[in-house]
Each structure stands twice: as C-alpha cells, then as structure tokens.
C-alpha cells in the first residue's frame, strides 16, 4: 500500500522598492495536476503597484530613453494622487 506524503505549503511575499512585503490577504496557488495547494502568496494592492512604479521611475535608465518620456512616468501621472 502506498503512503501519501504531505509537503508543507510555503508562504511567499513579494519585493517592492527593495523591501519584502509579507502582509495582507493570502492567495492560494494550486497545482494544475490535482488542484492541491502548493503555495500561498500575499496579494499586492494598488498601493503596492504605485510604490513599485514610483521606485522603478527613480532608477537610472540605461536604454537611452529620458525618464520624462517613460511610459511609467505617464502612467503614474495619470493616476489619482495618493500618499504612499
């Protein structure tokens, strides 16, 4: 008779502006093979996305595009102002 092995589920955060975010709502990640839970990840919020875009805009560009012409800058400017 075969025995079923239970593997602990890992919980993963995500990186925003050099900081690991490990708080908030958890989302289960399921295996397509059998639907079993294989991991949990923290869901990013709108504020996390804005913080990531803001951090990316501050990075030096090596591709010869000025920061003012960056689509990220235009996206950030088009969003309603919120304090992060």
C-alpha atoms as a PDB file:
ATOM      1  CA  UNK A   1       0.000   0.000   0.000  1.00  0.00           C
ATOM      2  CA  UNK A   2       1.414   3.417  -0.949  1.00  0.00           C
ATOM      3  CA  UNK A   3       1.614   6.230   1.527  1.00  0.00           C
ATOM      4  CA  UNK A   4       0.725   9.816   0.745  1.00  0.00           C
ATOM      5  CA  UNK A   5       3.424  12.361   1.509  1.00  0.00           C
ATOM      6  CA  UNK A   6       2.267  15.732   2.808  1.00  0.00           C
ATOM      7  CA  UNK A   7       4.557  18.612   1.939  1.00  0.00           C
ATOM      8  CA  UNK A   8       4.267  21.820   3.958  1.00  0.00           C
ATOM      9  CA  UNK A   9       2.919  24.757   1.975  1.00  0.00           C
ATOM     10  CA  UNK A  10       5.270  27.710   1.692  1.00  0.00           C
ATOM     11  CA  UNK A  11       4.098  31.298   2.052  1.00  0.00           C
ATOM     12  CA  UNK A  12       5.817  33.816  -0.211  1.00  0.00           C
ATOM     13  CA  UNK A  13       5.970  37.590  -0.101  1.00  0.00           C
ATOM     14  CA  UNK A  14       6.991  39.950  -2.886  1.00  0.00           C
ATOM     15  CA  UNK A  15       9.598  42.666  -3.362  1.00  0.00           C
ATOM     16  CA  UNK A  16       8.682  46.367  -3.687  1.00  0.00           C
ATOM     17  CA  UNK A  17      11.368  49.053  -3.703  1.00  0.00           C
ATOM     18  CA  UNK A  18      13.926  46.740  -2.106  1.00  0.00           C
ATOM     19  CA  UNK A  19      11.619  45.660   0.729  1.00  0.00           C
ATOM     20  CA  UNK A  20       9.927  42.294   1.146  1.00  0.00           C
ATOM     21  CA  UNK A  21       6.180  42.600   1.670  1.00  0.00           C
ATOM     22  CA  UNK A  22       4.792  39.771   3.775  1.00  0.00           C
ATOM     23  CA  UNK A  23       1.445  41.039   4.970  1.00  0.00           C
ATOM     24  CA  UNK A  24      -2.113  41.293   3.724  1.00  0.00           C
ATOM     25  CA  UNK A  25      -4.514  38.910   2.050  1.00  0.00           C
ATOM     26  CA  UNK A  26      -3.209  35.463   1.131  1.00  0.00           C
ATOM     27  CA  UNK A  27      -3.917  33.809  -2.233  1.00  0.00           C
ATOM     28  CA  UNK A  28      -3.625  30.033  -2.598  1.00  0.00           C
ATOM     29  CA  UNK A  29      -1.642  28.680  -5.544  1.00  0.00           C
ATOM     30  CA  UNK A  30      -2.936  25.321  -6.734  1.00  0.00           C
ATOM     31  CA  UNK A  31      -1.257  22.624  -8.788  1.00  0.00           C
ATOM     32  CA  UNK A  32      -2.909  22.161 -12.184  1.00  0.00           C
ATOM     33  CA  UNK A  33      -2.401  18.391 -11.903  1.00  0.00           C
ATOM     34  CA  UNK A  34      -4.592  17.673  -8.895  1.00  0.00           C
ATOM     35  CA  UNK A  35      -5.763  21.033  -7.530  1.00  0.00           C
ATOM     36  CA  UNK A  36      -3.771  20.685  -4.324  1.00  0.00           C
ATOM     37  CA  UNK A  37      -2.466  23.822  -2.617  1.00  0.00           C
ATOM     38  CA  UNK A  38       1.262  24.108  -3.347  1.00  0.00           C
ATOM     39  CA  UNK A  39       1.944  27.627  -2.018  1.00  0.00           C
ATOM     40  CA  UNK A  40       0.404  30.799  -0.657  1.00  0.00           C
ATOM     41  CA  UNK A  41       1.348  34.283  -1.791  1.00  0.00           C
ATOM     42  CA  UNK A  42       0.462  37.688  -0.433  1.00  0.00           C
ATOM     43  CA  UNK A  43      -1.713  39.654  -2.858  1.00  0.00           C
ATOM     44  CA  UNK A  44      -0.399  43.021  -3.923  1.00  0.00           C
ATOM     45  CA  UNK A  45      -2.624  46.064  -3.596  1.00  0.00           C
ATOM     46  CA  UNK A  46      -2.986  49.188  -5.702  1.00  0.00           C
ATOM     47  CA  UNK A  47      -0.712  50.955  -3.235  1.00  0.00           C
ATOM     48  CA  UNK A  48       1.961  48.274  -3.741  1.00  0.00           C
ATOM     49  CA  UNK A  49       1.720  48.746  -7.519  1.00  0.00           C
ATOM     50  CA  UNK A  50       2.070  52.522  -7.196  1.00  0.00           C
ATOM     51  CA  UNK A  51       5.063  52.107  -4.870  1.00  0.00           C
ATOM     52  CA  UNK A  52       6.691  49.724  -7.368  1.00  0.00           C
ATOM     53  CA  UNK A  53       6.116  52.125 -10.276  1.00  0.00           C
ATOM     54  CA  UNK A  54       7.445  55.048  -8.238  1.00  0.00           C
ATOM     55  CA  UNK A  55      10.579  53.067  -7.329  1.00  0.00           C
ATOM     56  CA  UNK A  56      11.093  51.988 -10.949  1.00  0.00           C
ATOM     57  CA  UNK A  57      10.847  55.585 -12.188  1.00  0.00           C
ATOM     58  CA  UNK A  58      13.638  56.584  -9.798  1.00  0.00           C
ATOM     59  CA  UNK A  59      16.039  54.007 -11.276  1.00  0.00           C
ATOM     60  CA  UNK A  60      18.634  55.212 -13.800  1.00  0.00           C
ATOM     61  CA  UNK A  61      17.732  54.267 -17.340  1.00  0.00           C
ATOM     62  CA  UNK A  62      20.373  52.558 -19.467  1.00  0.00           C
ATOM     63  CA  UNK A  63      18.290  52.336 -22.626  1.00  0.00           C
ATOM     64  CA  UNK A  64      18.687  55.926 -23.819  1.00  0.00           C
ATOM     65  CA  UNK A  65      15.109  56.974 -23.001  1.00  0.00           C
ATOM     66  CA  UNK A  66      14.676  60.018 -20.818  1.00  0.00           C
ATOM     67  CA  UNK A  67      12.758  59.467 -17.596  1.00  0.00           C
ATOM     68  CA  UNK A  68      10.180  62.095 -18.595  1.00  0.00           C
ATOM     69  CA  UNK A  69       9.349  60.070 -21.730  1.00  0.00           C
ATOM     70  CA  UNK A  70       8.987  56.835 -19.795  1.00  0.00           C
ATOM     71  CA  UNK A  71       5.551  55.212 -20.084  1.00  0.00           C
ATOM     72  CA  UNK A  72       5.776  54.515 -16.343  1.00  0.00           C
ATOM     73  CA  UNK A  73       6.016  58.232 -15.601  1.00  0.00           C
ATOM     74  CA  UNK A  74       2.970  58.923 -17.777  1.00  0.00           C
ATOM     75  CA  UNK A  75       1.072  56.094 -16.064  1.00  0.00           C
ATOM     76  CA  UNK A  76       1.976  57.378 -12.605  1.00  0.00           C
ATOM     77  CA  UNK A  77       0.975  60.932 -13.530  1.00  0.00           C
ATOM     78  CA  UNK A  78      -2.381  59.739 -14.869  1.00  0.00           C
ATOM     79  CA  UNK A  79      -3.355  58.048 -11.593  1.00  0.00           C
ATOM     80  CA  UNK A  80      -5.160  59.910  -8.830  1.00  0.00           C
ATOM     81  CA  UNK A  81      -2.799  61.217  -6.174  1.00  0.00           C
ATOM     82  CA  UNK A  82      -2.496  59.082  -3.043  1.00  0.00           C
ATOM     83  CA  UNK A  83       0.021  59.183  -0.254  1.00  0.00           C
ATOM     84  CA  UNK A  84       2.169  56.084  -0.042  1.00  0.00           C
END
